[in-house]
PDB file of N, CA and C in Angstrom:
ATOM      1  N   MET A   1     -15.172  25.863   0.463  1.00  0.00           N
ATOM      2  CA  MET A   1     -14.768  24.760   1.440  1.00  0.00           C
ATOM      3  C   MET A   1     -14.858  25.160   3.052  1.00  0.00           C
ATOM      4  N   ASP A   2     -15.181  24.129   3.678  1.00  0.00           N
ATOM      5  CA  ASP A   2     -15.483  24.162   5.160  1.00  0.00           C
ATOM      6  C   ASP A   2     -14.126  23.620   5.818  1.00  0.00           C
ATOM      7  N   LYS A   3     -13.809  24.122   7.057  1.00  0.00           N
ATOM      8  CA  LYS A   3     -12.795  23.662   7.796  1.00  0.00           C
ATOM      9  C   LYS A   3     -13.279  23.441   9.095  1.00  0.00           C
ATOM     10  N   ILE A   4     -13.208  22.135   9.667  1.00  0.00           N
ATOM     11  CA  ILE A   4     -13.691  21.798  11.155  1.00  0.00           C
ATOM     12  C   ILE A   4     -12.471  21.314  11.977  1.00  0.00           C
ATOM     13  N   SER A   5     -12.412  22.122  13.037  1.00  0.00           N
ATOM     14  CA  SER A   5     -11.364  21.727  14.160  1.00  0.00           C
ATOM     15  C   SER A   5     -11.784  20.540  14.923  1.00  0.00           C
ATOM     16  N   LEU A   6     -11.122  19.294  14.625  1.00  0.00           N
ATOM     17  CA  LEU A   6     -11.474  18.111  15.367  1.00  0.00           C
ATOM     18  C   LEU A   6     -11.030  18.223  16.882  1.00  0.00           C
ATOM     19  N   ARG A   7     -10.102  18.826  17.087  1.00  0.00           N
ATOM     20  CA  ARG A   7      -9.752  19.240  18.514  1.00  0.00           C
ATOM     21  C   ARG A   7     -10.679  19.957  19.323  1.00  0.00           C
ATOM     22  N   THR A   8     -11.284  21.050  18.575  1.00  0.00           N
ATOM     23  CA  THR A   8     -12.296  21.717  19.502  1.00  0.00           C
ATOM     24  C   THR A   8     -13.682  20.981  19.461  1.00  0.00           C
ATOM     25  N   ALA A   9     -14.107  20.245  18.336  1.00  0.00           N
ATOM     26  CA  ALA A   9     -15.309  19.504  18.290  1.00  0.00           C
ATOM     27  C   ALA A   9     -15.112  18.146  19.363  1.00  0.00           C
ATOM     28  N   THR A  10     -13.895  17.736  19.550  1.00  0.00           N
ATOM     29  CA  THR A  10     -13.728  16.582  20.451  1.00  0.00           C
ATOM     30  C   THR A  10     -13.909  17.101  21.813  1.00  0.00           C
ATOM     31  N   ARG A  11     -13.275  18.286  22.130  1.00  0.00           N
ATOM     32  CA  ARG A  11     -13.456  18.911  23.553  1.00  0.00           C
ATOM     33  C   ARG A  11     -14.947  19.181  23.751  1.00  0.00           C
ATOM     34  N   GLU A  12     -15.681  19.763  22.827  1.00  0.00           N
ATOM     35  CA  GLU A  12     -17.150  20.147  23.015  1.00  0.00           C
ATOM     36  C   GLU A  12     -17.870  18.873  23.238  1.00  0.00           C
ATOM     37  N   GLN A  13     -17.718  17.849  22.398  1.00  0.00           N
ATOM     38  CA  GLN A  13     -18.520  16.473  22.679  1.00  0.00           C
ATOM     39  C   GLN A  13     -18.249  15.769  23.787  1.00  0.00           C
ATOM     40  N   LEU A  14     -17.003  15.774  24.217  1.00  0.00           N
ATOM     41  CA  LEU A  14     -16.635  15.007  25.526  1.00  0.00           C
ATOM     42  C   LEU A  14     -17.204  15.820  26.813  1.00  0.00           C
ATOM     43  N   ALA A  15     -17.258  17.075  26.545  1.00  0.00           N
ATOM     44  CA  ALA A  15     -17.819  18.028  27.717  1.00  0.00           C
ATOM     45  C   ALA A  15     -19.418  17.686  27.670  1.00  0.00           C
ATOM     46  N   SER A  16     -19.840  17.616  26.597  1.00  0.00           N
ATOM     47  CA  SER A  16     -21.358  17.407  26.418  1.00  0.00           C
ATOM     48  C   SER A  16     -21.734  15.909  27.049  1.00  0.00           C
ATOM     49  N   ALA A  17     -20.911  15.011  26.688  1.00  0.00           N
ATOM     50  CA  ALA A  17     -21.272  13.520  27.084  1.00  0.00           C
ATOM     51  C   ALA A  17     -21.171  13.529  28.635  1.00  0.00           C
ATOM     52  N   ARG A  18     -20.041  14.289  29.083  1.00  0.00           N
ATOM     53  CA  ARG A  18     -19.992  14.302  30.570  1.00  0.00           C
ATOM     54  C   ARG A  18     -20.961  14.765  31.396  1.00  0.00           C
ATOM     55  N   GLY A  19     -21.971  15.697  30.638  1.00  0.00           N
ATOM     56  CA  GLY A  19     -23.072  16.347  31.187  1.00  0.00           C
ATOM     57  C   GLY A  19     -24.284  15.601  31.045  1.00  0.00           C
ATOM     58  N   THR A  20     -24.405  14.390  30.353  1.00  0.00           N
ATOM     59  CA  THR A  20     -25.495  13.583  30.216  1.00  0.00           C
ATOM     60  C   THR A  20     -25.512  12.287  31.054  1.00  0.00           C
ATOM     61  N   SER A  21     -26.760  11.839  31.364  1.00  0.00           N
ATOM     62  CA  SER A  21     -26.942  10.606  32.099  1.00  0.00           C
ATOM     63  C   SER A  21     -26.394   9.465  31.292  1.00  0.00           C
ATOM     64  N   SER A  22     -26.583   9.429  30.009  1.00  0.00           N
ATOM     65  CA  SER A  22     -26.072   8.494  29.080  1.00  0.00           C
ATOM     66  C   SER A  22     -24.724   8.294  28.925  1.00  0.00           C
ATOM     67  N   GLY A  23     -23.880   9.468  29.069  1.00  0.00           N
ATOM     68  CA  GLY A  23     -22.469   9.532  28.864  1.00  0.00           C
ATOM     69  C   GLY A  23     -22.094   9.432  27.458  1.00  0.00           C
ATOM     70  N   ARG A  24     -22.963  10.005  26.638  1.00  0.00           N
ATOM     71  CA  ARG A  24     -22.747  10.004  25.083  1.00  0.00           C
ATOM     72  C   ARG A  24     -23.206  11.388  24.597  1.00  0.00           C
ATOM     73  N   SER A  25     -22.458  11.736  23.438  1.00  0.00           N
ATOM     74  CA  SER A  25     -22.751  12.941  22.651  1.00  0.00           C
ATOM     75  C   SER A  25     -22.194  12.627  21.293  1.00  0.00           C
ATOM     76  N   SER A  26     -22.887  13.152  20.266  1.00  0.00           N
ATOM     77  CA  SER A  26     -22.459  12.956  18.904  1.00  0.00           C
ATOM     78  C   SER A  26     -22.927  14.295  18.043  1.00  0.00           C
ATOM     79  N   VAL A  27     -22.099  14.441  16.993  1.00  0.00           N
ATOM     80  CA  VAL A  27     -22.436  15.398  16.109  1.00  0.00           C
ATOM     81  C   VAL A  27     -21.946  14.982  14.588  1.00  0.00           C
ATOM     82  N   THR A  28     -22.886  15.086  13.643  1.00  0.00           N
ATOM     83  CA  THR A  28     -22.530  14.812  12.250  1.00  0.00           C
ATOM     84  C   THR A  28     -21.635  15.920  11.676  1.00  0.00           C
ATOM     85  N   MET A  29     -20.501  15.560  11.403  1.00  0.00           N
ATOM     86  CA  MET A  29     -19.575  16.671  10.988  1.00  0.00           C
ATOM     87  C   MET A  29     -19.553  16.934   9.480  1.00  0.00           C
ATOM     88  N   LEU A  30     -19.909  15.820   8.631  1.00  0.00           N
ATOM     89  CA  LEU A  30     -19.961  15.819   7.228  1.00  0.00           C
ATOM     90  C   LEU A  30     -20.922  14.913   6.690  1.00  0.00           C
ATOM     91  N   GLY A  31     -21.780  15.216   5.646  1.00  0.00           N
ATOM     92  CA  GLY A  31     -22.832  14.434   5.131  1.00  0.00           C
ATOM     93  C   GLY A  31     -24.007  14.440   5.848  1.00  0.00           C
ATOM     94  N   GLY A  32     -24.750  13.382   6.041  1.00  0.00           N
ATOM     95  CA  GLY A  32     -25.898  13.338   6.765  1.00  0.00           C
ATOM     96  C   GLY A  32     -26.812  12.315   5.896  1.00  0.00           C
ATOM     97  N   SER A  33     -28.150  12.358   6.179  1.00  0.00           N
ATOM     98  CA  SER A  33     -29.150  11.381   5.612  1.00  0.00           C
ATOM     99  C   SER A  33     -29.146  11.475   4.098  1.00  0.00           C
ATOM    100  N   ARG A  34     -29.048  12.654   3.471  1.00  0.00           N
ATOM    101  CA  ARG A  34     -29.120  12.893   2.133  1.00  0.00           C
ATOM    102  C   ARG A  34     -27.952  12.606   1.240  1.00  0.00           C
ATOM    103  N   ARG A  35     -26.780  12.124   1.939  1.00  0.00           N
ATOM    104  CA  ARG A  35     -25.558  11.857   1.356  1.00  0.00           C
ATOM    105  C   ARG A  35     -25.036  10.396   1.410  1.00  0.00           C
ATOM    106  N   HIS A  36     -24.368   9.953   0.609  1.00  0.00           N
ATOM    107  CA  HIS A  36     -23.796   8.500   0.693  1.00  0.00           C
ATOM    108  C   HIS A  36     -22.557   8.518   1.780  1.00  0.00           C
ATOM    109  N   LEU A  37     -21.851   9.561   1.927  1.00  0.00           N
ATOM    110  CA  LEU A  37     -20.690   9.433   2.917  1.00  0.00           C
ATOM    111  C   LEU A  37     -21.126  10.367   4.136  1.00  0.00           C
ATOM    112  N   SER A  38     -21.020   9.882   5.347  1.00  0.00           N
ATOM    113  CA  SER A  38     -21.207  10.715   6.459  1.00  0.00           C
ATOM    114  C   SER A  38     -20.028  10.499   7.650  1.00  0.00           C
ATOM    115  N   GLN A  39     -19.709  11.466   8.239  1.00  0.00           N
ATOM    116  CA  GLN A  39     -18.636  11.317   9.354  1.00  0.00           C
ATOM    117  C   GLN A  39     -19.250  12.018  10.480  1.00  0.00           C
ATOM    118  N   THR A  40     -19.469  11.199  11.641  1.00  0.00           N
ATOM    119  CA  THR A  40     -19.892  11.618  12.849  1.00  0.00           C
ATOM    120  C   THR A  40     -18.785  11.527  13.974  1.00  0.00           C
ATOM    121  N   LEU A  41     -18.718  12.624  14.743  1.00  0.00           N
ATOM    122  CA  LEU A  41     -17.888  12.499  15.958  1.00  0.00           C
ATOM    123  C   LEU A  41     -18.748  11.937  17.071  1.00  0.00           C
ATOM    124  N   ILE A  42     -18.314  11.053  17.769  1.00  0.00           N
ATOM    125  CA  ILE A  42     -19.081  10.362  18.761  1.00  0.00           C
ATOM    126  C   ILE A  42     -17.977  10.415  20.040  1.00  0.00           C
ATOM    127  N   ALA A  43     -18.600  10.950  21.176  1.00  0.00           N
ATOM    128  CA  ALA A  43     -17.903  11.042  22.512  1.00  0.00           C
ATOM    129  C   ALA A  43     -18.712  10.140  23.382  1.00  0.00           C
ATOM    130  N   LEU A  44     -17.996   9.251  24.093  1.00  0.00           N
ATOM    131  CA  LEU A  44     -18.365   8.386  25.221  1.00  0.00           C
ATOM    132  C   LEU A  44     -17.562   8.532  26.403  1.00  0.00           C
ATOM    133  N   THR A  45     -18.190   8.577  27.469  1.00  0.00           N
ATOM    134  CA  THR A  45     -17.486   8.586  28.742  1.00  0.00           C
ATOM    135  C   THR A  45     -17.116   7.098  29.172  1.00  0.00           C
ATOM    136  N   ALA A  46     -16.121   6.938  29.984  1.00  0.00           N
ATOM    137  CA  ALA A  46     -15.589   5.681  30.430  1.00  0.00           C
ATOM    138  C   ALA A  46     -16.872   4.810  30.987  1.00  0.00           C
ATOM    139  N   GLY A  47     -16.811   3.548  30.494  1.00  0.00           N
ATOM    140  CA  GLY A  47     -17.905   2.549  30.934  1.00  0.00           C
ATOM    141  C   GLY A  47     -19.196   2.670  30.146  1.00  0.00           C
ATOM    142  N   ASN A  48     -19.372   3.669  29.350  1.00  0.00           N
ATOM    143  CA  ASN A  48     -20.651   3.726  28.382  1.00  0.00           C
ATOM    144  C   ASN A  48     -20.564   3.102  27.219  1.00  0.00           C
ATOM    145  N   SER A  49     -21.434   2.768  26.545  1.00  0.00           N
ATOM    146  CA  SER A  49     -21.443   2.169  25.209  1.00  0.00           C
ATOM    147  C   SER A  49     -22.569   2.513  24.294  1.00  0.00           C
ATOM    148  N   LEU A  50     -22.498   2.130  22.944  1.00  0.00           N
ATOM    149  CA  LEU A  50     -23.403   2.144  22.100  1.00  0.00           C
ATOM    150  C   LEU A  50     -23.876   0.645  21.921  1.00  0.00           C
ATOM    151  N   ALA A  51     -25.172   0.375  22.239  1.00  0.00           N
ATOM    152  CA  ALA A  51     -25.540  -1.125  22.243  1.00  0.00           C
ATOM    153  C   ALA A  51     -25.408  -1.637  20.847  1.00  0.00           C
ATOM    154  N   GLU A  52     -25.495  -2.892  20.768  1.00  0.00           N
ATOM    155  CA  GLU A  52     -25.533  -3.722  19.579  1.00  0.00           C
ATOM    156  C   GLU A  52     -26.375  -3.136  18.562  1.00  0.00           C
ATOM    157  N   HIS A  53     -25.810  -2.860  17.338  1.00  0.00           N
ATOM    158  CA  HIS A  53     -26.540  -2.231  16.244  1.00  0.00           C
ATOM    159  C   HIS A  53     -25.919  -2.695  14.939  1.00  0.00           C
ATOM    160  N   GLU A  54     -26.647  -2.273  13.835  1.00  0.00           N
ATOM    161  CA  GLU A  54     -26.053  -2.628  12.468  1.00  0.00           C
ATOM    162  C   GLU A  54     -25.674  -1.367  11.834  1.00  0.00           C
ATOM    163  N   THR A  55     -24.903  -1.447  11.030  1.00  0.00           N
ATOM    164  CA  THR A  55     -24.522  -0.180  10.058  1.00  0.00           C
ATOM    165  C   THR A  55     -25.025  -0.340   8.712  1.00  0.00           C
ATOM    166  N   PRO A  56     -25.688   0.780   8.050  1.00  0.00           N
ATOM    167  CA  PRO A  56     -26.284   0.531   6.750  1.00  0.00           C
ATOM    168  C   PRO A  56     -25.382   0.725   5.584  1.00  0.00           C
ATOM    169  N   GLY A  57     -24.100   0.187   5.703  1.00  0.00           N
ATOM    170  CA  GLY A  57     -23.209   0.250   4.631  1.00  0.00           C
ATOM    171  C   GLY A  57     -21.758   0.108   5.178  1.00  0.00           C
ATOM    172  N   GLU A  58     -20.804   0.365   4.414  1.00  0.00           N
ATOM    173  CA  GLU A  58     -19.347   0.238   4.830  1.00  0.00           C
ATOM    174  C   GLU A  58     -19.048   1.219   5.816  1.00  0.00           C
ATOM    175  N   ALA A  59     -18.283   0.815   6.945  1.00  0.00           N
ATOM    176  CA  ALA A  59     -17.879   1.854   7.870  1.00  0.00           C
ATOM    177  C   ALA A  59     -16.665   1.621   8.525  1.00  0.00           C
ATOM    178  N   SER A  60     -16.127   2.625   9.139  1.00  0.00           N
ATOM    179  CA  SER A  60     -14.826   2.621   9.836  1.00  0.00           C
ATOM    180  C   SER A  60     -14.964   3.678  10.908  1.00  0.00           C
ATOM    181  N   LEU A  61     -14.011   3.388  12.012  1.00  0.00           N
ATOM    182  CA  LEU A  61     -13.785   4.345  13.159  1.00  0.00           C
ATOM    183  C   LEU A  61     -12.400   4.683  13.101  1.00  0.00           C
ATOM    184  N   ILE A  62     -12.210   5.922  13.418  1.00  0.00           N
ATOM    185  CA  ILE A  62     -10.830   6.529  13.790  1.00  0.00           C
ATOM    186  C   ILE A  62     -11.021   6.934  15.158  1.00  0.00           C
ATOM    187  N   VAL A  63     -10.084   6.316  16.119  1.00  0.00           N
ATOM    188  CA  VAL A  63     -10.011   6.697  17.532  1.00  0.00           C
ATOM    189  C   VAL A  63      -9.200   8.055  17.584  1.00  0.00           C
ATOM    190  N   LEU A  64     -10.056   9.086  17.954  1.00  0.00           N
ATOM    191  CA  LEU A  64      -9.272  10.468  18.235  1.00  0.00           C
ATOM    192  C   LEU A  64      -8.563  10.491  19.558  1.00  0.00           C
ATOM    193  N   THR A  65      -9.304  10.035  20.652  1.00  0.00           N
ATOM    194  CA  THR A  65      -8.600   9.950  22.021  1.00  0.00           C
ATOM    195  C   THR A  65      -9.395   8.993  22.840  1.00  0.00           C
ATOM    196  N   GLY A  66      -8.635   8.504  23.730  1.00  0.00           N
ATOM    197  CA  GLY A  66      -9.202   7.500  24.707  1.00  0.00           C
ATOM    198  C   GLY A  66      -8.899   6.069  24.249  1.00  0.00           C
ATOM    199  N   ARG A  67      -9.817   5.196  24.718  1.00  0.00           N
ATOM    200  CA  ARG A  67      -9.520   3.736  24.450  1.00  0.00           C
ATOM    201  C   ARG A  67     -10.927   3.247  24.257  1.00  0.00           C
ATOM    202  N   VAL A  68     -11.264   2.481  23.175  1.00  0.00           N
ATOM    203  CA  VAL A  68     -12.529   1.796  22.974  1.00  0.00           C
ATOM    204  C   VAL A  68     -12.443   0.277  22.791  1.00  0.00           C
ATOM    205  N   ARG A  69     -13.497  -0.390  22.733  1.00  0.00           N
ATOM    206  CA  ARG A  69     -13.599  -1.815  22.571  1.00  0.00           C
ATOM    207  C   ARG A  69     -14.670  -2.001  21.447  1.00  0.00           C
ATOM    208  N   LEU A  70     -14.541  -2.433  20.287  1.00  0.00           N
ATOM    209  CA  LEU A  70     -15.619  -2.764  19.419  1.00  0.00           C
ATOM    210  C   LEU A  70     -15.675  -4.356  19.353  1.00  0.00           C
ATOM    211  N   THR A  71     -17.037  -4.710  19.450  1.00  0.00           N
ATOM    212  CA  THR A  71     -17.284  -6.187  19.673  1.00  0.00           C
ATOM    213  C   THR A  71     -18.275  -6.470  18.545  1.00  0.00           C
ATOM    214  N   ALA A  72     -18.161  -7.701  18.055  1.00  0.00           N
ATOM    215  CA  ALA A  72     -19.059  -8.230  16.983  1.00  0.00           C
ATOM    216  C   ALA A  72     -19.063  -9.889  17.248  1.00  0.00           C
ATOM    217  N   GLU A  73     -20.293 -10.302  17.425  1.00  0.00           N
ATOM    218  CA  GLU A  73     -20.308 -11.822  17.647  1.00  0.00           C
ATOM    219  C   GLU A  73     -19.309 -12.038  18.985  1.00  0.00           C
ATOM    220  N   ASP A  74     -18.512 -12.992  18.778  1.00  0.00           N
ATOM    221  CA  ASP A  74     -17.536 -13.482  19.889  1.00  0.00           C
ATOM    222  C   ASP A  74     -16.133 -12.768  19.805  1.00  0.00           C
ATOM    223  N   GLU A  75     -16.064 -11.804  18.849  1.00  0.00           N
ATOM    224  CA  GLU A  75     -14.714 -11.177  18.726  1.00  0.00           C
ATOM    225  C   GLU A  75     -14.732  -9.783  19.160  1.00  0.00           C
ATOM    226  N   SER A  76     -13.678  -9.302  19.546  1.00  0.00           N
ATOM    227  CA  SER A  76     -13.541  -7.781  19.956  1.00  0.00           C
ATOM    228  C   SER A  76     -12.068  -7.360  19.715  1.00  0.00           C
ATOM    229  N   VAL A  77     -11.944  -6.069  19.532  1.00  0.00           N
ATOM    230  CA  VAL A  77     -10.707  -5.445  19.299  1.00  0.00           C
ATOM    231  C   VAL A  77     -10.673  -4.116  19.865  1.00  0.00           C
ATOM    232  N   GLU A  78      -9.714  -3.664  20.491  1.00  0.00           N
ATOM    233  CA  GLU A  78      -9.457  -2.566  21.131  1.00  0.00           C
ATOM    234  C   GLU A  78      -8.860  -1.500  20.408  1.00  0.00           C
ATOM    235  N   GLY A  79      -9.175  -0.113  20.352  1.00  0.00           N
ATOM    236  CA  GLY A  79      -8.440   0.843  19.713  1.00  0.00           C
ATOM    237  C   GLY A  79      -8.123   2.004  20.620  1.00  0.00           C
ATOM    238  N   THR A  80      -7.090   2.580  20.329  1.00  0.00           N
ATOM    239  CA  THR A  80      -6.429   3.846  21.048  1.00  0.00           C
ATOM    240  C   THR A  80      -6.342   4.872  20.063  1.00  0.00           C
ATOM    241  N   SER A  81      -5.897   6.079  20.508  1.00  0.00           N
ATOM    242  CA  SER A  81      -5.761   7.315  19.896  1.00  0.00           C
ATOM    243  C   SER A  81      -4.851   6.875  18.630  1.00  0.00           C
ATOM    244  N   GLY A  82      -5.360   7.260  17.446  1.00  0.00           N
ATOM    245  CA  GLY A  82      -4.502   7.055  16.187  1.00  0.00           C
ATOM    246  C   GLY A  82      -4.992   5.734  15.558  1.00  0.00           C
ATOM    247  N   ASP A  83      -5.820   4.896  16.127  1.00  0.00           N
ATOM    248  CA  ASP A  83      -6.210   3.656  15.442  1.00  0.00           C
ATOM    249  C   ASP A  83      -7.394   3.786  14.534  1.00  0.00           C
ATOM    250  N   LEU A  84      -7.296   2.945  13.495  1.00  0.00           N
ATOM    251  CA  LEU A  84      -8.417   2.924  12.433  1.00  0.00           C
ATOM    252  C   LEU A  84      -8.874   1.476  12.602  1.00  0.00           C
ATOM    253  N   LEU A  85     -10.218   1.453  13.009  1.00  0.00           N
ATOM    254  CA  LEU A  85     -10.932   0.238  13.039  1.00  0.00           C
ATOM    255  C   LEU A  85     -11.987  -0.082  11.932  1.00  0.00           C
ATOM    256  N   ALA A  86     -12.000  -1.171  11.311  1.00  0.00           N
ATOM    257  CA  ALA A  86     -12.943  -1.642  10.306  1.00  0.00           C
ATOM    258  C   ALA A  86     -14.008  -1.988  11.040  1.00  0.00           C
ATOM    259  N   ILE A  87     -15.304  -1.485  10.765  1.00  0.00           N
ATOM    260  CA  ILE A  87     -16.530  -1.723  11.277  1.00  0.00           C
ATOM    261  C   ILE A  87     -17.096  -3.010  10.583  1.00  0.00           C
ATOM    262  N   PRO A  88     -17.338  -4.194  11.305  1.00  0.00           N
ATOM    263  CA  PRO A  88     -17.996  -5.360  10.698  1.00  0.00           C
ATOM    264  C   PRO A  88     -19.282  -5.201  10.249  1.00  0.00           C
ATOM    265  N   SER A  89     -19.761  -5.955   9.180  1.00  0.00           N
ATOM    266  CA  SER A  89     -21.167  -6.017   8.654  1.00  0.00           C
ATOM    267  C   SER A  89     -22.151  -6.530   9.548  1.00  0.00           C
ATOM    268  N   GLU A  90     -21.874  -7.311  10.381  1.00  0.00           N
ATOM    269  CA  GLU A  90     -22.700  -7.960  11.361  1.00  0.00           C
ATOM    270  C   GLU A  90     -22.967  -7.038  12.664  1.00  0.00           C
ATOM    271  N   PRO A  91     -24.161  -7.424  13.300  1.00  0.00           N
ATOM    272  CA  PRO A  91     -24.295  -6.500  14.455  1.00  0.00           C
ATOM    273  C   PRO A  91     -22.901  -6.261  15.257  1.00  0.00           C
ATOM    274  N   HIS A  92     -22.930  -5.077  15.936  1.00  0.00           N
ATOM    275  CA  HIS A  92     -21.726  -4.904  16.676  1.00  0.00           C
ATOM    276  C   HIS A  92     -21.987  -3.786  17.743  1.00  0.00           C
ATOM    277  N   SER A  93     -21.201  -3.571  18.728  1.00  0.00           N
ATOM    278  CA  SER A  93     -21.272  -2.631  19.787  1.00  0.00           C
ATOM    279  C   SER A  93     -19.922  -1.926  20.027  1.00  0.00           C
ATOM    280  N   LEU A  94     -20.063  -0.826  20.709  1.00  0.00           N
ATOM    281  CA  LEU A  94     -18.797  -0.024  21.057  1.00  0.00           C
ATOM    282  C   LEU A  94     -18.943   0.408  22.330  1.00  0.00           C
ATOM    283  N   GLU A  95     -17.749   0.156  23.164  1.00  0.00           N
ATOM    284  CA  GLU A  95     -17.658   0.444  24.576  1.00  0.00           C
ATOM    285  C   GLU A  95     -16.450   1.386  24.925  1.00  0.00           C
ATOM    286  N   ALA A  96     -16.657   2.338  25.644  1.00  0.00           N
ATOM    287  CA  ALA A  96     -15.580   3.197  25.964  1.00  0.00           C
ATOM    288  C   ALA A  96     -14.952   2.739  27.231  1.00  0.00           C
ATOM    289  N   LEU A  97     -13.579   2.206  27.118  1.00  0.00           N
ATOM    290  CA  LEU A  97     -12.913   1.840  28.309  1.00  0.00           C
ATOM    291  C   LEU A  97     -12.341   2.935  29.049  1.00  0.00           C
ATOM    292  N   GLU A  98     -12.258   4.001  28.623  1.00  0.00           N
ATOM    293  CA  GLU A  98     -12.045   5.447  29.186  1.00  0.00           C
ATOM    294  C   GLU A  98     -12.694   6.550  28.313  1.00  0.00           C
ATOM    295  N   ASP A  99     -12.705   7.745  28.959  1.00  0.00           N
ATOM    296  CA  ASP A  99     -13.451   8.727  28.060  1.00  0.00           C
ATOM    297  C   ASP A  99     -12.700   8.813  26.684  1.00  0.00           C
ATOM    298  N   SER A 100     -13.584   8.755  25.639  1.00  0.00           N
ATOM    299  CA  SER A 100     -13.101   8.549  24.147  1.00  0.00           C
ATOM    300  C   SER A 100     -14.089   9.370  23.303  1.00  0.00           C
ATOM    301  N   ALA A 101     -13.273   9.683  22.216  1.00  0.00           N
ATOM    302  CA  ALA A 101     -14.046  10.273  21.236  1.00  0.00           C
ATOM    303  C   ALA A 101     -13.414   9.709  19.717  1.00  0.00           C
ATOM    304  N   VAL A 102     -14.454   9.338  18.901  1.00  0.00           N
ATOM    305  CA  VAL A 102     -14.096   8.445  17.594  1.00  0.00           C
ATOM    306  C   VAL A 102     -14.713   9.331  16.512  1.00  0.00           C
ATOM    307  N   ILE A 103     -14.221   9.093  15.336  1.00  0.00           N
ATOM    308  CA  ILE A 103     -14.925   9.460  14.114  1.00  0.00           C
ATOM    309  C   ILE A 103     -15.490   8.402  13.419  1.00  0.00           C
ATOM    310  N   LEU A 104     -16.920   8.272  13.253  1.00  0.00           N
ATOM    311  CA  LEU A 104     -17.501   7.183  12.593  1.00  0.00           C
ATOM    312  C   LEU A 104     -17.660   7.451  11.083  1.00  0.00           C
ATOM    313  N   THR A 105     -17.189   6.839  10.096  1.00  0.00           N
ATOM    314  CA  THR A 105     -17.362   7.031   8.787  1.00  0.00           C
ATOM    315  C   THR A 105     -18.248   6.036   8.211  1.00  0.00           C
ATOM    316  N   VAL A 106     -19.369   6.489   7.578  1.00  0.00           N
ATOM    317  CA  VAL A 106     -20.242   5.358   6.952  1.00  0.00           C
ATOM    318  C   VAL A 106     -20.513   5.891   5.481  1.00  0.00           C
ATOM    319  N   SER A 107     -20.214   4.892   4.501  1.00  0.00           N
ATOM    320  CA  SER A 107     -20.687   4.890   3.185  1.00  0.00           C
ATOM    321  C   SER A 107     -21.788   4.249   2.948  1.00  0.00           C
ATOM    322  N   LYS A 108     -22.993   4.903   2.709  1.00  0.00           N
ATOM    323  CA  LYS A 108     -24.300   4.096   2.522  1.00  0.00           C
ATOM    324  C   LYS A 108     -24.501   3.759   1.053  1.00  0.00           C
ATOM    325  N   PRO A 109     -25.110   2.679   0.968  1.00  0.00           N
ATOM    326  CA  PRO A 109     -25.322   2.130  -0.509  1.00  0.00           C
ATOM    327  C   PRO A 109     -26.293   3.010  -1.218  1.00  0.00           C
TER     328      PRO A 109
END
């Protein structure tokens, strides 16, 4: 069995994001391209975003720290630390309203 400290990983990814021009950093914690389920920690600094994209299966976000806005079509929802957000099947984007870290869980078909 493996154990991953989300507190440590969050600190590391936020530090990495703060050191990049894109204001983003991520690491796949579990899974990957050869598995059906993957979990990725994504860090975004305030004002940065993931542009509109699609997800290759069912997905959700858990907000670890900060505040984010998930937008699809004409609807958006904000999430803060401790919130679970369902990712819509249509194209969507994610914006950090403050320095934030989220866990993206994707179940690929």
